[in-house]
Amino acid sequence: MARLAMVVLALAGASVIALSVMAADLSKLDTDGNGMYSFNELLVAYPDLGRTTFNAVDFNGDGYLTEGEIKAAVDAGVLPQMAG
């Protein structure tokens, strides 16, 4: 049981680290510094990103993606994990 708890904690820690790396990588793409990511900004990391996929991931329809929307899309397999 203790071993299982250690594995769960290690996986949770890895998820936090992965999210931190993703956030750091994403921040480089935010060229206008507004904390959100436009279609054109994301084309740097996702050159094959289509407008249809971008719009599907843009849950609130504001024309920008948040880190949360991008993470949800990566977790769902809609967007690939950013190479870091």
Protein backbone atom coordinates (compact mmCIF):
# COMPACT_ATOMS: atom_id res chain seq x y z
CA MET A 1 0.00 0.00 0.00
CA ALA A 2 2.81 2.41 0.88
CA ARG A 3 4.53 1.57 -2.41
CA LEU A 4 1.32 2.40 -4.32
CA ALA A 5 1.07 5.73 -2.50
CA MET A 6 4.67 6.54 -3.45
CA VAL A 7 3.97 5.72 -7.12
CA VAL A 8 0.85 7.91 -7.10
CA LEU A 9 2.77 10.78 -5.52
CA ALA A 10 5.59 10.40 -8.03
CA LEU A 11 3.14 10.46 -10.93
CA ALA A 12 1.39 13.51 -9.50
CA GLY A 13 4.75 15.25 -9.16
CA ALA A 14 5.64 14.35 -12.74
CA SER A 15 2.35 15.85 -13.90
CA VAL A 16 3.07 19.11 -12.08
CA ILE A 17 6.56 19.22 -13.58
CA ALA A 18 5.20 18.50 -17.07
CA LEU A 19 2.60 21.24 -16.68
CA SER A 20 5.29 23.67 -15.49
CA VAL A 21 7.46 22.83 -18.49
CA MET A 22 4.47 23.22 -20.79
CA ALA A 23 3.62 26.60 -19.25
CA ALA A 24 7.22 27.78 -19.63
CA ASP A 25 7.29 26.65 -23.27
CA LEU A 26 3.92 28.26 -23.92
CA SER A 27 4.96 31.56 -22.41
CA LYS A 28 7.60 31.87 -25.15
CA LEU A 29 4.80 31.76 -27.73
CA ASP A 30 2.80 34.59 -26.17
CA THR A 31 4.39 37.29 -28.29
CA ASP A 32 1.91 40.03 -27.34
CA GLY A 33 2.09 39.20 -23.62
CA ASN A 34 -1.68 38.99 -23.08
CA GLY A 35 -1.52 35.59 -21.35
CA MET A 36 -3.52 33.91 -24.11
CA TYR A 37 -2.53 32.29 -27.39
CA SER A 38 -3.82 33.31 -30.79
CA PHE A 39 -4.02 31.01 -33.79
CA ASN A 40 -0.92 32.67 -35.29
CA GLU A 41 1.06 32.40 -32.04
CA LEU A 42 0.33 28.67 -31.78
CA LEU A 43 1.39 28.00 -35.36
CA VAL A 44 4.99 28.28 -34.13
CA ALA A 45 4.57 25.20 -31.92
CA TYR A 46 1.87 23.50 -33.99
CA PRO A 47 2.60 24.28 -37.67
CA ASP A 48 -0.08 21.82 -38.84
CA LEU A 49 -2.77 23.35 -36.62
CA GLY A 50 -5.89 24.00 -38.62
CA ARG A 51 -8.43 26.69 -37.89
CA THR A 52 -11.12 24.03 -37.33
CA THR A 53 -9.05 22.33 -34.62
CA PHE A 54 -8.15 25.68 -33.04
CA ASN A 55 -11.84 26.67 -32.92
CA ALA A 56 -12.80 23.29 -31.43
CA VAL A 57 -10.22 23.71 -28.65
CA ASP A 58 -11.30 27.32 -28.00
CA PHE A 59 -14.01 26.26 -25.55
CA ASN A 60 -15.21 29.76 -24.74
CA GLY A 61 -15.08 30.96 -28.36
CA ASP A 62 -13.08 34.13 -27.66
CA GLY A 63 -10.56 33.53 -30.46
CA TYR A 64 -7.70 32.76 -28.06
CA LEU A 65 -6.58 29.66 -26.21
CA THR A 66 -5.69 29.66 -22.54
CA GLU A 67 -3.10 27.35 -21.00
CA GLY A 68 -6.02 25.36 -19.59
CA GLU A 69 -7.63 24.92 -23.00
CA ILE A 70 -4.31 23.84 -24.51
CA LYS A 71 -3.62 21.40 -21.66
CA ALA A 72 -7.12 19.91 -22.02
CA ALA A 73 -6.54 19.50 -25.78
CA VAL A 74 -3.17 17.82 -25.18
CA ASP A 75 -4.66 15.55 -22.49
CA ALA A 76 -7.49 14.59 -24.88
CA GLY A 77 -5.04 13.86 -27.68
CA VAL A 78 -6.38 16.67 -29.88
CA LEU A 79 -3.02 18.47 -29.79
CA PRO A 80 0.33 16.72 -29.46
CA GLN A 81 2.53 17.34 -26.44
CA MET A 82 4.89 20.24 -27.12
CA ALA A 83 8.47 19.15 -27.61
CA GLY A 84 10.50 20.61 -24.81
